[in-house]
Amino acid sequence: MIAAQSAGLSVVAKSRHPNHAHFVRKQSVDSKPLSPQEAERIIAGRARQVILSLKARNVSKLSSFVHPQKGVRFSPYASVLPDEDRVVKKNQLAQMWASKKRYKWGEYDGSGDPIWLTLQKYYGRFIFDHDFSRAKDIVYNPGSMSHGNTPNTIREHYPQSIAVEYHFSGFDPKFDGMDWSSLWLVFEKRGSEWYLVGIVHDEWTI
């Protein structure tokens, strides 16, 4: 069990704005995504199992949901960056979880410094920094996917997916909602099954 941590805000100087050098231009989408109602009907149970696996730190169980060919991409912010975000194959998760080796997961918003963390440290900062199994809002394939000024590019990079957002609108009233936080689970279909291909963290940035 993992206790929810208090959200904090820091002053930063560099943003993941559309004119950021690493921002990926919107790609064409070949097919219309499933409606929120249809997406929920298909994926709600599976998404709940993934969230509970994350909450329990059950990497073995989590691995069973990961796409057998593509693996799962970890994106620290809503702007998915395929050239920077780390992709982990399902048979690598357990080894990485047990390892003290630091891996590069992208860049910190604001400073642009590389994110060098062990998987467990990354988990604590960019996956389950809050107990998303208790999220106030859960949405499936929403029409609007952005909360802040960081472009949410999940739909551009996963056009055939079902995306599930676990969202907290804020924690401390003094931040006036700027300490909101979300975790997105992204699933793609292979054969008759839907597999986890993305875990995207989302929070206030400038």
N, C-alpha and C. Protein backbone atom coordinates (compact mmCIF):
# COMPACT_ATOMS: atom_id res chain seq x y z
N MET A 1 0.85 -1.18 0.00
CA MET A 1 0.00 0.00 0.00
C MET A 1 0.89 1.24 0.00
N ILE A 2 0.47 2.24 -0.70
CA ILE A 2 1.28 3.43 -0.84
C ILE A 2 0.48 4.64 -0.40
N ALA A 3 0.99 5.38 0.54
CA ALA A 3 0.28 6.56 1.01
C ALA A 3 0.41 7.67 0.00
N ALA A 4 -0.66 8.44 -0.16
CA ALA A 4 -0.62 9.58 -1.08
C ALA A 4 0.33 10.62 -0.52
N GLN A 5 1.14 11.23 -1.41
CA GLN A 5 2.10 12.22 -1.00
C GLN A 5 1.56 13.61 -1.27
N SER A 6 2.03 14.59 -0.50
CA SER A 6 1.59 15.97 -0.70
C SER A 6 2.18 16.52 -1.97
N ALA A 7 1.39 17.25 -2.72
CA ALA A 7 1.87 17.85 -3.96
C ALA A 7 2.57 19.16 -3.64
N GLY A 8 3.67 19.43 -4.35
CA GLY A 8 4.37 20.68 -4.18
C GLY A 8 4.60 21.32 -5.52
N LEU A 9 4.77 22.64 -5.52
CA LEU A 9 5.00 23.37 -6.74
C LEU A 9 6.37 24.00 -6.67
N SER A 10 7.06 24.03 -7.80
CA SER A 10 8.36 24.67 -7.84
C SER A 10 8.39 25.66 -8.99
N VAL A 11 9.19 26.68 -8.84
CA VAL A 11 9.32 27.68 -9.89
C VAL A 11 10.32 27.17 -10.91
N VAL A 12 9.92 27.15 -12.17
CA VAL A 12 10.78 26.63 -13.22
C VAL A 12 10.92 27.66 -14.32
N ALA A 13 11.93 27.43 -15.18
CA ALA A 13 12.25 28.44 -16.17
C ALA A 13 11.99 28.00 -17.60
N LYS A 14 11.77 26.75 -17.83
CA LYS A 14 11.64 26.25 -19.18
C LYS A 14 10.39 25.39 -19.26
N SER A 15 9.61 25.49 -20.31
CA SER A 15 8.34 24.77 -20.38
C SER A 15 8.29 23.81 -21.55
N ARG A 16 7.30 22.91 -21.49
CA ARG A 16 7.03 22.01 -22.60
C ARG A 16 5.93 22.64 -23.45
N HIS A 17 6.18 23.84 -23.91
CA HIS A 17 5.26 24.63 -24.71
C HIS A 17 5.33 24.13 -26.15
N PRO A 18 4.32 24.39 -27.00
CA PRO A 18 4.39 23.95 -28.39
C PRO A 18 5.63 24.39 -29.14
N ASN A 19 6.27 25.50 -28.72
CA ASN A 19 7.48 25.91 -29.43
C ASN A 19 8.74 25.31 -28.82
N HIS A 20 8.57 24.45 -27.82
CA HIS A 20 9.69 23.72 -27.24
C HIS A 20 10.33 22.87 -28.33
N ALA A 21 11.65 22.76 -28.30
CA ALA A 21 12.38 22.08 -29.37
C ALA A 21 11.96 20.63 -29.54
N HIS A 22 11.46 20.04 -28.44
CA HIS A 22 11.13 18.62 -28.52
C HIS A 22 9.65 18.37 -28.77
N PHE A 23 8.86 19.42 -28.92
CA PHE A 23 7.43 19.20 -29.15
C PHE A 23 7.21 18.53 -30.50
N VAL A 24 6.39 17.51 -30.50
CA VAL A 24 6.11 16.73 -31.71
C VAL A 24 4.84 17.25 -32.34
N ARG A 25 4.88 17.59 -33.60
CA ARG A 25 3.71 18.10 -34.28
C ARG A 25 2.62 17.04 -34.36
N LYS A 26 1.41 17.53 -34.37
CA LYS A 26 0.25 16.65 -34.40
C LYS A 26 0.26 15.80 -35.66
N GLN A 27 0.06 14.49 -35.47
CA GLN A 27 0.00 13.57 -36.58
C GLN A 27 -1.45 13.34 -36.97
N SER A 28 -1.64 12.89 -38.17
CA SER A 28 -3.00 12.60 -38.62
C SER A 28 -3.52 11.36 -37.93
N VAL A 29 -4.79 11.36 -37.63
CA VAL A 29 -5.43 10.23 -36.99
C VAL A 29 -6.27 9.51 -38.02
N ASP A 30 -6.00 8.22 -38.19
CA ASP A 30 -6.64 7.45 -39.25
C ASP A 30 -8.07 7.09 -38.93
N SER A 31 -8.38 6.95 -37.67
CA SER A 31 -9.73 6.53 -37.32
C SER A 31 -10.20 7.26 -36.08
N LYS A 32 -11.49 7.43 -35.99
CA LYS A 32 -12.07 8.14 -34.86
C LYS A 32 -11.97 7.27 -33.61
N PRO A 33 -11.54 7.84 -32.48
CA PRO A 33 -11.44 7.05 -31.25
C PRO A 33 -12.81 6.60 -30.78
N LEU A 34 -12.81 5.56 -29.97
CA LEU A 34 -14.06 5.06 -29.39
C LEU A 34 -14.68 6.14 -28.51
N SER A 35 -15.99 6.12 -28.40
CA SER A 35 -16.67 7.06 -27.52
C SER A 35 -16.29 6.76 -26.07
N PRO A 36 -16.43 7.75 -25.19
CA PRO A 36 -16.14 7.51 -23.78
C PRO A 36 -16.94 6.34 -23.21
N GLN A 37 -18.19 6.21 -23.61
CA GLN A 37 -19.05 5.14 -23.09
C GLN A 37 -18.56 3.77 -23.56
N GLU A 38 -18.23 3.67 -24.85
CA GLU A 38 -17.74 2.40 -25.38
C GLU A 38 -16.38 2.05 -24.81
N ALA A 39 -15.51 3.05 -24.68
CA ALA A 39 -14.19 2.82 -24.11
C ALA A 39 -14.29 2.32 -22.67
N GLU A 40 -15.18 2.93 -21.90
CA GLU A 40 -15.36 2.49 -20.51
C GLU A 40 -15.86 1.05 -20.45
N ARG A 41 -16.80 0.73 -21.32
CA ARG A 41 -17.35 -0.63 -21.33
C ARG A 41 -16.26 -1.67 -21.61
N ILE A 42 -15.35 -1.33 -22.49
CA ILE A 42 -14.31 -2.27 -22.91
C ILE A 42 -13.19 -2.38 -21.88
N ILE A 43 -12.75 -1.26 -21.33
CA ILE A 43 -11.46 -1.24 -20.63
C ILE A 43 -11.53 -0.98 -19.14
N ALA A 44 -12.69 -0.63 -18.58
CA ALA A 44 -12.75 -0.23 -17.16
C ALA A 44 -12.19 -1.29 -16.24
N GLY A 45 -12.57 -2.55 -16.44
CA GLY A 45 -12.09 -3.61 -15.56
C GLY A 45 -10.59 -3.81 -15.66
N ARG A 46 -10.08 -3.79 -16.88
CA ARG A 46 -8.64 -4.00 -17.09
C ARG A 46 -7.84 -2.83 -16.53
N ALA A 47 -8.33 -1.62 -16.75
CA ALA A 47 -7.64 -0.44 -16.23
C ALA A 47 -7.59 -0.49 -14.70
N ARG A 48 -8.68 -0.91 -14.08
CA ARG A 48 -8.71 -1.02 -12.62
C ARG A 48 -7.68 -2.02 -12.12
N GLN A 49 -7.51 -3.12 -12.83
CA GLN A 49 -6.50 -4.11 -12.44
C GLN A 49 -5.10 -3.53 -12.54
N VAL A 50 -4.85 -2.73 -13.58
CA VAL A 50 -3.54 -2.11 -13.73
C VAL A 50 -3.28 -1.13 -12.60
N ILE A 51 -4.27 -0.30 -12.29
CA ILE A 51 -4.11 0.67 -11.20
C ILE A 51 -3.84 -0.03 -9.87
N LEU A 52 -4.55 -1.10 -9.61
CA LEU A 52 -4.34 -1.83 -8.36
C LEU A 52 -2.97 -2.51 -8.34
N SER A 53 -2.49 -2.98 -9.50
CA SER A 53 -1.15 -3.55 -9.58
C SER A 53 -0.10 -2.49 -9.28
N LEU A 54 -0.31 -1.28 -9.81
CA LEU A 54 0.61 -0.18 -9.53
C LEU A 54 0.58 0.20 -8.05
N LYS A 55 -0.61 0.28 -7.49
CA LYS A 55 -0.74 0.63 -6.07
C LYS A 55 -0.01 -0.37 -5.18
N ALA A 56 -0.13 -1.65 -5.53
CA ALA A 56 0.48 -2.72 -4.73
C ALA A 56 1.95 -2.93 -5.06
N ARG A 57 2.47 -2.19 -6.03
CA ARG A 57 3.85 -2.39 -6.51
C ARG A 57 4.05 -3.83 -6.98
N ASN A 58 3.03 -4.40 -7.55
CA ASN A 58 3.08 -5.78 -8.02
C ASN A 58 3.54 -5.77 -9.48
N VAL A 59 4.85 -5.78 -9.66
CA VAL A 59 5.42 -5.65 -11.00
C VAL A 59 5.14 -6.89 -11.84
N SER A 60 5.10 -8.03 -11.22
CA SER A 60 4.79 -9.26 -11.95
C SER A 60 3.39 -9.19 -12.54
N LYS A 61 2.42 -8.74 -11.75
CA LYS A 61 1.05 -8.61 -12.23
C LYS A 61 0.97 -7.53 -13.30
N LEU A 62 1.64 -6.41 -13.07
CA LEU A 62 1.64 -5.33 -14.05
C LEU A 62 2.17 -5.81 -15.40
N SER A 63 3.23 -6.61 -15.36
CA SER A 63 3.84 -7.10 -16.60
C SER A 63 2.85 -7.89 -17.45
N SER A 64 1.91 -8.56 -16.81
CA SER A 64 0.96 -9.39 -17.55
C SER A 64 0.03 -8.55 -18.43
N PHE A 65 -0.06 -7.24 -18.16
CA PHE A 65 -0.93 -6.37 -18.95
C PHE A 65 -0.17 -5.61 -20.05
N VAL A 66 1.17 -5.70 -20.04
CA VAL A 66 1.99 -4.93 -20.97
C VAL A 66 1.97 -5.57 -22.36
N HIS A 67 1.95 -4.73 -23.38
CA HIS A 67 1.91 -5.21 -24.76
C HIS A 67 3.10 -6.14 -25.03
N PRO A 68 2.86 -7.35 -25.54
CA PRO A 68 3.93 -8.33 -25.70
C PRO A 68 4.99 -7.95 -26.73
N GLN A 69 4.67 -7.07 -27.65
CA GLN A 69 5.65 -6.66 -28.65
C GLN A 69 6.15 -5.24 -28.42
N LYS A 70 5.25 -4.31 -28.17
CA LYS A 70 5.64 -2.91 -28.04
C LYS A 70 6.20 -2.55 -26.68
N GLY A 71 5.87 -3.32 -25.64
CA GLY A 71 6.25 -2.92 -24.30
C GLY A 71 5.40 -1.75 -23.84
N VAL A 72 5.87 -1.05 -22.82
CA VAL A 72 5.13 0.10 -22.29
C VAL A 72 6.05 1.32 -22.25
N ARG A 73 5.56 2.45 -22.75
CA ARG A 73 6.33 3.69 -22.74
C ARG A 73 5.96 4.51 -21.51
N PHE A 74 6.97 4.99 -20.80
CA PHE A 74 6.77 5.83 -19.62
C PHE A 74 7.02 7.28 -20.00
N SER A 75 5.99 8.11 -19.90
CA SER A 75 6.11 9.52 -20.24
C SER A 75 5.91 10.35 -18.97
N PRO A 76 6.91 11.12 -18.56
CA PRO A 76 6.80 11.88 -17.31
C PRO A 76 5.84 13.06 -17.39
N TYR A 77 5.54 13.51 -18.62
CA TYR A 77 4.62 14.63 -18.82
C TYR A 77 3.67 14.30 -19.97
N ALA A 78 2.63 15.11 -20.12
CA ALA A 78 1.57 14.81 -21.08
C ALA A 78 2.01 14.91 -22.53
N SER A 79 3.07 15.67 -22.80
CA SER A 79 3.61 15.70 -24.15
C SER A 79 4.48 14.46 -24.35
N VAL A 80 3.90 13.46 -24.98
CA VAL A 80 4.63 12.21 -25.21
C VAL A 80 5.75 12.47 -26.21
N LEU A 81 6.97 12.07 -25.83
CA LEU A 81 8.15 12.30 -26.67
C LEU A 81 8.79 10.94 -26.97
N PRO A 82 8.43 10.31 -28.09
CA PRO A 82 8.93 8.96 -28.39
C PRO A 82 10.44 8.84 -28.43
N ASP A 83 11.14 9.90 -28.79
CA ASP A 83 12.59 9.82 -28.87
C ASP A 83 13.27 9.96 -27.52
N GLU A 84 12.52 10.37 -26.49
CA GLU A 84 13.10 10.58 -25.17
C GLU A 84 12.49 9.69 -24.09
N ASP A 85 11.19 9.47 -24.14
CA ASP A 85 10.53 8.66 -23.13
C ASP A 85 11.00 7.22 -23.23
N ARG A 86 11.19 6.59 -22.09
CA ARG A 86 11.73 5.23 -22.09
C ARG A 86 10.64 4.19 -22.31
N VAL A 87 10.94 3.24 -23.18
CA VAL A 87 10.07 2.09 -23.42
C VAL A 87 10.69 0.87 -22.73
N VAL A 88 9.86 0.15 -21.97
CA VAL A 88 10.32 -1.03 -21.24
C VAL A 88 9.51 -2.23 -21.70
N LYS A 89 10.20 -3.29 -22.07
CA LYS A 89 9.54 -4.53 -22.47
C LYS A 89 9.01 -5.24 -21.23
N LYS A 90 7.98 -6.04 -21.43
CA LYS A 90 7.32 -6.68 -20.29
C LYS A 90 8.27 -7.58 -19.51
N ASN A 91 9.23 -8.23 -20.21
CA ASN A 91 10.16 -9.13 -19.51
C ASN A 91 11.32 -8.39 -18.86
N GLN A 92 11.34 -7.04 -18.98
CA GLN A 92 12.40 -6.25 -18.35
C GLN A 92 11.95 -5.59 -17.05
N LEU A 93 10.64 -5.51 -16.84
CA LEU A 93 10.12 -4.73 -15.72
C LEU A 93 10.61 -5.24 -14.36
N ALA A 94 10.51 -6.53 -14.13
CA ALA A 94 10.89 -7.08 -12.83
C ALA A 94 12.37 -6.84 -12.53
N GLN A 95 13.21 -7.05 -13.53
CA GLN A 95 14.65 -6.84 -13.35
C GLN A 95 14.96 -5.38 -13.06
N MET A 96 14.31 -4.48 -13.80
CA MET A 96 14.55 -3.06 -13.58
C MET A 96 14.04 -2.61 -12.22
N TRP A 97 12.91 -3.16 -11.79
CA TRP A 97 12.35 -2.80 -10.49
C TRP A 97 13.30 -3.18 -9.35
N ALA A 98 13.96 -4.31 -9.49
CA ALA A 98 14.86 -4.79 -8.43
C ALA A 98 16.24 -4.13 -8.50
N SER A 99 16.53 -3.47 -9.61
CA SER A 99 17.85 -2.91 -9.83
C SER A 99 18.01 -1.54 -9.18
N LYS A 100 19.23 -1.22 -8.77
CA LYS A 100 19.56 0.11 -8.27
C LYS A 100 20.14 0.99 -9.37
N LYS A 101 20.13 0.48 -10.59
CA LYS A 101 20.65 1.24 -11.73
C LYS A 101 19.70 2.39 -12.07
N ARG A 102 20.28 3.55 -12.36
CA ARG A 102 19.49 4.69 -12.78
C ARG A 102 19.36 4.70 -14.30
N TYR A 103 18.16 4.98 -14.78
CA TYR A 103 17.88 5.04 -16.20
C TYR A 103 17.43 6.44 -16.57
N LYS A 104 17.62 6.80 -17.82
CA LYS A 104 17.14 8.09 -18.28
C LYS A 104 15.71 7.96 -18.78
N TRP A 105 14.82 8.85 -18.27
CA TRP A 105 13.39 8.78 -18.57
C TRP A 105 12.89 9.99 -19.35
N GLY A 106 13.78 10.85 -19.78
CA GLY A 106 13.37 12.06 -20.46
C GLY A 106 14.02 13.26 -19.80
N GLU A 107 13.33 14.41 -19.83
CA GLU A 107 13.86 15.64 -19.25
C GLU A 107 12.86 16.26 -18.29
N TYR A 108 13.38 16.88 -17.23
CA TYR A 108 12.53 17.61 -16.29
C TYR A 108 11.97 18.85 -16.95
N ASP A 109 10.69 19.08 -16.76
CA ASP A 109 10.10 20.32 -17.22
C ASP A 109 10.73 21.48 -16.47
N GLY A 110 10.96 22.55 -17.16
CA GLY A 110 11.54 23.72 -16.53
C GLY A 110 13.03 23.80 -16.73
N SER A 111 13.77 22.89 -16.12
CA SER A 111 15.23 22.93 -16.21
C SER A 111 15.74 22.29 -17.48
N GLY A 112 15.02 21.30 -18.00
CA GLY A 112 15.51 20.55 -19.14
C GLY A 112 16.58 19.54 -18.77
N ASP A 113 16.86 19.39 -17.48
CA ASP A 113 17.86 18.42 -17.04
C ASP A 113 17.35 17.00 -17.28
N PRO A 114 18.24 16.07 -17.60
CA PRO A 114 17.81 14.69 -17.82
C PRO A 114 17.27 14.07 -16.55
N ILE A 115 16.27 13.25 -16.69
CA ILE A 115 15.67 12.53 -15.57
C ILE A 115 16.40 11.20 -15.42
N TRP A 116 17.32 11.14 -14.48
CA TRP A 116 18.06 9.90 -14.20
C TRP A 116 17.56 9.35 -12.87
N LEU A 117 16.80 8.27 -12.91
CA LEU A 117 16.23 7.66 -11.71
C LEU A 117 16.18 6.15 -11.84
N THR A 118 16.20 5.47 -10.72
CA THR A 118 15.87 4.05 -10.75
C THR A 118 14.38 3.93 -11.08
N LEU A 119 13.95 2.75 -11.46
CA LEU A 119 12.53 2.58 -11.76
C LEU A 119 11.69 2.86 -10.52
N GLN A 120 12.16 2.43 -9.35
CA GLN A 120 11.38 2.66 -8.14
C GLN A 120 11.29 4.15 -7.81
N LYS A 121 12.37 4.89 -8.04
CA LYS A 121 12.33 6.34 -7.80
C LYS A 121 11.44 7.03 -8.83
N TYR A 122 11.50 6.57 -10.06
CA TYR A 122 10.62 7.12 -11.09
C TYR A 122 9.17 6.86 -10.74
N TYR A 123 8.90 5.67 -10.25
CA TYR A 123 7.55 5.31 -9.82
C TYR A 123 7.03 6.31 -8.77
N GLY A 124 7.88 6.64 -7.81
CA GLY A 124 7.46 7.53 -6.74
C GLY A 124 7.25 8.96 -7.18
N ARG A 125 7.96 9.37 -8.24
CA ARG A 125 7.85 10.75 -8.71
C ARG A 125 6.90 10.92 -9.89
N PHE A 126 6.91 9.99 -10.82
CA PHE A 126 6.19 10.18 -12.07
C PHE A 126 5.13 9.12 -12.39
N ILE A 127 4.83 8.26 -11.43
CA ILE A 127 3.73 7.31 -11.65
C ILE A 127 2.74 7.42 -10.50
N PHE A 128 3.09 6.89 -9.34
CA PHE A 128 2.16 6.89 -8.22
C PHE A 128 2.58 7.92 -7.18
N ASP A 129 2.75 9.17 -7.61
CA ASP A 129 3.06 10.23 -6.65
C ASP A 129 1.84 10.57 -5.81
N HIS A 130 0.67 10.08 -6.22
CA HIS A 130 -0.56 10.13 -5.45
C HIS A 130 -1.25 8.78 -5.60
N ASP A 131 -2.15 8.49 -4.71
CA ASP A 131 -2.87 7.20 -4.78
C ASP A 131 -3.99 7.32 -5.82
N PHE A 132 -3.65 7.02 -7.06
CA PHE A 132 -4.61 7.19 -8.14
C PHE A 132 -5.73 6.15 -8.12
N SER A 133 -5.61 5.14 -7.28
CA SER A 133 -6.74 4.22 -7.12
C SER A 133 -7.91 4.92 -6.42
N ARG A 134 -7.64 6.07 -5.80
CA ARG A 134 -8.67 6.86 -5.12
C ARG A 134 -8.95 8.17 -5.86
N ALA A 135 -8.61 8.21 -7.13
CA ALA A 135 -8.81 9.44 -7.91
C ALA A 135 -10.26 9.89 -7.89
N LYS A 136 -10.47 11.19 -7.78
CA LYS A 136 -11.82 11.74 -7.73
C LYS A 136 -12.53 11.61 -9.07
N ASP A 137 -11.77 11.70 -10.15
CA ASP A 137 -12.36 11.63 -11.48
C ASP A 137 -11.64 10.58 -12.32
N ILE A 138 -12.39 9.74 -13.00
CA ILE A 138 -11.86 8.76 -13.95
C ILE A 138 -12.61 8.95 -15.26
N VAL A 139 -11.87 9.20 -16.33
CA VAL A 139 -12.51 9.43 -17.63
C VAL A 139 -11.88 8.53 -18.68
N TYR A 140 -12.68 8.17 -19.67
CA TYR A 140 -12.27 7.25 -20.72
C TYR A 140 -12.38 7.95 -22.07
N ASN A 141 -11.26 8.01 -22.80
CA ASN A 141 -11.24 8.67 -24.11
C ASN A 141 -11.99 10.01 -24.11
N PRO A 142 -11.61 10.93 -23.23
CA PRO A 142 -12.32 12.21 -23.20
C PRO A 142 -12.08 13.02 -24.45
N GLY A 143 -13.01 13.89 -24.77
CA GLY A 143 -12.85 14.75 -25.93
C GLY A 143 -11.73 15.75 -25.74
N SER A 144 -11.63 16.31 -24.54
CA SER A 144 -10.55 17.22 -24.20
C SER A 144 -9.59 16.52 -23.25
N MET A 145 -8.29 16.52 -23.58
CA MET A 145 -7.33 15.75 -22.81
C MET A 145 -6.31 16.62 -22.08
N SER A 146 -6.38 17.93 -22.21
CA SER A 146 -5.40 18.82 -21.59
C SER A 146 -6.01 19.57 -20.42
N HIS A 147 -5.23 19.73 -19.36
CA HIS A 147 -5.65 20.50 -18.19
C HIS A 147 -4.83 21.78 -18.06
N GLY A 148 -3.57 21.73 -18.43
CA GLY A 148 -2.70 22.88 -18.28
C GLY A 148 -2.19 23.36 -19.62
N ASN A 149 -1.00 23.98 -19.61
CA ASN A 149 -0.45 24.52 -20.84
C ASN A 149 0.53 23.58 -21.51
N THR A 150 0.72 22.39 -20.96
CA THR A 150 1.53 21.38 -21.64
C THR A 150 0.65 20.62 -22.61
N PRO A 151 0.96 20.63 -23.90
CA PRO A 151 0.11 19.93 -24.87
C PRO A 151 0.06 18.43 -24.57
N ASN A 152 -1.15 17.90 -24.51
CA ASN A 152 -1.33 16.47 -24.32
C ASN A 152 -1.34 15.82 -25.69
N THR A 153 -0.32 15.02 -25.98
CA THR A 153 -0.18 14.42 -27.31
C THR A 153 -0.43 12.91 -27.31
N ILE A 154 -1.16 12.43 -26.32
CA ILE A 154 -1.46 11.00 -26.26
C ILE A 154 -2.19 10.55 -27.52
N ARG A 155 -3.21 11.29 -27.92
CA ARG A 155 -4.00 10.88 -29.08
C ARG A 155 -3.18 10.89 -30.37
N GLU A 156 -2.24 11.83 -30.49
CA GLU A 156 -1.41 11.89 -31.69
C GLU A 156 -0.48 10.68 -31.81
N HIS A 157 0.04 10.23 -30.67
CA HIS A 157 1.01 9.14 -30.71
C HIS A 157 0.38 7.76 -30.51
N TYR A 158 -0.83 7.74 -29.99
CA TYR A 158 -1.55 6.48 -29.82
C TYR A 158 -2.95 6.62 -30.44
N PRO A 159 -3.02 6.77 -31.75
CA PRO A 159 -4.32 7.07 -32.39
C PRO A 159 -5.34 5.94 -32.30
N GLN A 160 -4.89 4.71 -32.13
CA GLN A 160 -5.79 3.57 -32.07
C GLN A 160 -6.05 3.10 -30.63
N SER A 161 -5.82 3.96 -29.70
CA SER A 161 -5.81 3.54 -28.30
C SER A 161 -7.11 3.86 -27.57
N ILE A 162 -7.19 3.28 -26.36
CA ILE A 162 -8.12 3.74 -25.33
C ILE A 162 -7.26 4.36 -24.23
N ALA A 163 -7.53 5.61 -23.91
CA ALA A 163 -6.77 6.32 -22.88
C ALA A 163 -7.67 6.56 -21.67
N VAL A 164 -7.18 6.21 -20.50
CA VAL A 164 -7.94 6.36 -19.26
C VAL A 164 -7.20 7.32 -18.35
N GLU A 165 -7.90 8.35 -17.91
CA GLU A 165 -7.28 9.33 -17.02
C GLU A 165 -7.81 9.20 -15.60
N TYR A 166 -6.87 9.14 -14.64
CA TYR A 166 -7.18 9.19 -13.21
C TYR A 166 -6.72 10.57 -12.73
N HIS A 167 -7.66 11.39 -12.27
CA HIS A 167 -7.38 12.81 -12.07
C HIS A 167 -7.76 13.30 -10.68
N PHE A 168 -6.84 14.08 -10.08
CA PHE A 168 -7.11 14.86 -8.88
C PHE A 168 -7.07 16.33 -9.27
N SER A 169 -8.09 17.09 -8.91
CA SER A 169 -8.16 18.50 -9.29
C SER A 169 -7.30 19.39 -8.42
N GLY A 170 -6.80 18.87 -7.31
CA GLY A 170 -5.93 19.64 -6.42
C GLY A 170 -5.96 19.07 -5.01
N PHE A 171 -5.03 19.52 -4.19
CA PHE A 171 -4.89 18.97 -2.84
C PHE A 171 -4.87 20.06 -1.77
N ASP A 172 -4.13 21.14 -2.02
CA ASP A 172 -3.98 22.20 -1.04
C ASP A 172 -4.68 23.47 -1.57
N PRO A 173 -5.70 23.97 -0.85
CA PRO A 173 -6.44 25.14 -1.34
C PRO A 173 -5.57 26.35 -1.65
N LYS A 174 -4.44 26.48 -0.98
CA LYS A 174 -3.61 27.66 -1.20
C LYS A 174 -3.00 27.71 -2.60
N PHE A 175 -2.97 26.55 -3.30
CA PHE A 175 -2.44 26.52 -4.65
C PHE A 175 -3.52 26.77 -5.71
N ASP A 176 -4.76 26.92 -5.26
CA ASP A 176 -5.86 27.28 -6.15
C ASP A 176 -5.95 26.35 -7.38
N GLY A 177 -5.78 25.06 -7.13
CA GLY A 177 -5.94 24.07 -8.19
C GLY A 177 -4.72 23.81 -9.04
N MET A 178 -3.63 24.57 -8.83
CA MET A 178 -2.44 24.36 -9.66
C MET A 178 -1.64 23.12 -9.23
N ASP A 179 -2.05 22.49 -8.14
CA ASP A 179 -1.39 21.25 -7.73
C ASP A 179 -2.19 20.02 -8.18
N TRP A 180 -2.95 20.18 -9.28
CA TRP A 180 -3.69 19.04 -9.83
C TRP A 180 -2.70 18.00 -10.35
N SER A 181 -3.18 16.76 -10.50
CA SER A 181 -2.31 15.69 -10.97
C SER A 181 -3.15 14.61 -11.65
N SER A 182 -2.59 14.04 -12.70
CA SER A 182 -3.27 12.97 -13.43
C SER A 182 -2.31 11.84 -13.76
N LEU A 183 -2.86 10.66 -13.88
CA LEU A 183 -2.13 9.52 -14.43
C LEU A 183 -2.98 8.94 -15.54
N TRP A 184 -2.38 8.81 -16.72
CA TRP A 184 -3.05 8.24 -17.88
C TRP A 184 -2.54 6.83 -18.14
N LEU A 185 -3.45 5.91 -18.35
CA LEU A 185 -3.12 4.56 -18.82
C LEU A 185 -3.59 4.45 -20.26
N VAL A 186 -2.70 3.99 -21.13
CA VAL A 186 -3.00 3.92 -22.56
C VAL A 186 -2.94 2.47 -23.02
N PHE A 187 -4.01 2.03 -23.66
CA PHE A 187 -4.13 0.64 -24.10
C PHE A 187 -4.31 0.57 -25.62
N GLU A 188 -3.69 -0.43 -26.23
CA GLU A 188 -3.89 -0.71 -27.65
C GLU A 188 -4.29 -2.17 -27.81
N LYS A 189 -5.10 -2.42 -28.84
CA LYS A 189 -5.62 -3.76 -29.06
C LYS A 189 -4.66 -4.59 -29.91
N ARG A 190 -4.47 -5.82 -29.50
CA ARG A 190 -3.69 -6.80 -30.28
C ARG A 190 -4.48 -8.10 -30.27
N GLY A 191 -4.95 -8.51 -31.43
CA GLY A 191 -5.84 -9.65 -31.46
C GLY A 191 -7.15 -9.29 -30.78
N SER A 192 -7.52 -10.08 -29.80
CA SER A 192 -8.77 -9.82 -29.08
C SER A 192 -8.54 -9.14 -27.73
N GLU A 193 -7.28 -8.85 -27.39
CA GLU A 193 -6.95 -8.30 -26.08
C GLU A 193 -6.46 -6.85 -26.19
N TRP A 194 -6.71 -6.10 -25.12
CA TRP A 194 -6.19 -4.74 -25.00
C TRP A 194 -5.01 -4.75 -24.03
N TYR A 195 -3.87 -4.23 -24.51
CA TYR A 195 -2.65 -4.25 -23.72
C TYR A 195 -2.18 -2.83 -23.38
N LEU A 196 -1.48 -2.73 -22.26
CA LEU A 196 -0.93 -1.47 -21.80
C LEU A 196 0.28 -1.09 -22.66
N VAL A 197 0.24 0.10 -23.27
CA VAL A 197 1.37 0.57 -24.08
C VAL A 197 1.94 1.89 -23.57
N GLY A 198 1.22 2.57 -22.69
CA GLY A 198 1.71 3.84 -22.19
C GLY A 198 1.25 4.15 -20.79
N ILE A 199 2.15 4.70 -19.97
CA ILE A 199 1.81 5.25 -18.66
C ILE A 199 2.31 6.69 -18.67
N VAL A 200 1.36 7.62 -18.66
CA VAL A 200 1.68 9.03 -18.86
C VAL A 200 1.30 9.82 -17.60
N HIS A 201 2.27 10.49 -17.04
CA HIS A 201 2.04 11.34 -15.87
C HIS A 201 1.75 12.76 -16.35
N ASP A 202 0.87 13.45 -15.66
CA ASP A 202 0.48 14.80 -16.07
C ASP A 202 0.33 15.66 -14.83
N GLU A 203 0.86 16.89 -14.88
CA GLU A 203 0.78 17.80 -13.76
C GLU A 203 0.97 19.23 -14.24
N TRP A 204 0.82 20.18 -13.33
CA TRP A 204 1.00 21.59 -13.67
C TRP A 204 2.44 21.86 -14.08
N THR A 205 2.59 22.53 -15.21
CA THR A 205 3.93 22.94 -15.68
C THR A 205 3.80 24.36 -16.22
N ILE A 206 4.95 25.01 -16.46
CA ILE A 206 4.92 26.35 -17.08
C ILE A 206 5.87 26.37 -18.27
